[in-house]
């Protein structure tokens, strides 16, 4: 994985560990432990709507950190 993506993920997780542990736990369960959506919902004792909102927030935050690092920017040749 590219360093910029790793940094964006680490920064996003650090933010959520401090400010919203539910989203940090969601990331850990879903993407590190490779649990299913249903399993994450059961493990965190949350509803599907809460899961979907938390998941969307988490990925959006990481995307913002990635954008700040230029992950989505490609210089075009002239």
Protein backbone atom coordinates (compact mmCIF):
# COMPACT_ATOMS: atom_id res chain seq x y z
CA UNK A 1 0.00 0.00 0.00
CA UNK A 2 1.29 3.43 -0.86
CA UNK A 3 2.72 5.44 2.04
CA UNK A 4 0.25 8.28 1.59
CA UNK A 5 -2.69 5.90 1.97
CA UNK A 6 -1.13 4.32 5.05
CA UNK A 7 -0.60 7.73 6.61
CA UNK A 8 -4.18 8.76 5.83
CA UNK A 9 -5.56 5.58 7.39
CA UNK A 10 -3.36 5.93 10.47
CA UNK A 11 -4.33 9.58 10.94
CA UNK A 12 -8.03 8.81 10.50
CA UNK A 13 -7.84 5.97 12.99
CA UNK A 14 -5.93 8.10 15.49
CA UNK A 15 -8.64 10.74 15.21
CA UNK A 16 -11.40 8.21 15.80
CA UNK A 17 -9.58 6.41 18.63
CA UNK A 18 -9.51 9.72 20.47
CA UNK A 19 -12.90 11.12 19.46
CA UNK A 20 -15.16 8.21 18.49
CA UNK A 21 -13.97 4.74 19.50
CA UNK A 22 -17.00 3.09 17.86
CA UNK A 23 -15.73 4.07 14.41
CA UNK A 24 -12.20 2.96 15.27
CA UNK A 25 -13.57 -0.40 16.44
CA UNK A 26 -15.64 -0.68 13.28
CA UNK A 27 -12.51 -0.21 11.16
CA UNK A 28 -10.58 -2.76 13.20
CA UNK A 29 -13.31 -5.38 12.97
CA UNK A 30 -14.22 -4.83 9.32
CA UNK A 31 -10.87 -4.17 7.67
CA UNK A 32 -8.20 -5.63 9.96
CA UNK A 33 -10.07 -8.70 11.22
CA UNK A 34 -12.07 -9.02 7.97
CA UNK A 35 -15.38 -9.54 9.76
CA UNK A 36 -18.65 -9.42 7.85
CA UNK A 37 -20.99 -6.46 8.13
CA UNK A 38 -23.44 -8.56 10.15
CA UNK A 39 -20.71 -9.73 12.50
CA UNK A 40 -19.51 -6.16 13.08
CA UNK A 41 -23.07 -5.08 13.86
CA UNK A 42 -23.40 -7.92 16.37
CA UNK A 43 -19.98 -7.30 17.95
CA UNK A 44 -20.60 -3.58 18.41
CA UNK A 45 -24.27 -4.00 19.44
CA UNK A 46 -25.47 -1.44 16.93
CA UNK A 47 -28.21 -1.32 14.33
CA UNK A 48 -27.67 -1.49 10.59
CA UNK A 49 -28.42 2.21 10.10
CA UNK A 50 -25.86 3.15 12.76
CA UNK A 51 -23.35 0.82 11.10
CA UNK A 52 -23.93 2.36 7.68
CA UNK A 53 -23.61 5.92 8.99
CA UNK A 54 -20.47 5.13 11.02
CA UNK A 55 -18.92 3.27 8.08
CA UNK A 56 -19.63 6.15 5.70
CA UNK A 57 -18.19 8.69 8.17
CA UNK A 58 -15.07 6.60 8.70
CA UNK A 59 -14.33 6.13 5.02
CA UNK A 60 -15.09 9.78 4.24
CA UNK A 61 -12.69 10.96 6.92
CA UNK A 62 -9.92 8.71 5.63
CA UNK A 63 -10.59 9.96 2.08
CA UNK A 64 -10.19 13.56 3.27
CA UNK A 65 -6.85 12.75 4.90
CA UNK A 66 -5.80 10.95 1.70
CA UNK A 67 -6.79 13.93 -0.43
CA UNK A 68 -4.73 16.21 1.80
CA UNK A 69 -1.74 14.00 1.01
CA UNK A 70 -2.36 14.17 -2.73
CA UNK A 71 -3.34 10.52 -3.10
CA UNK A 72 -5.96 11.36 -5.72
CA UNK A 73 -3.81 13.84 -7.63
CA UNK A 74 -1.83 12.73 -10.63
CA UNK A 75 0.32 15.14 -12.49
CA UNK A 76 -0.36 14.95 -16.20
CA UNK A 77 2.44 14.89 -18.72
CA UNK A 78 2.75 17.87 -21.02
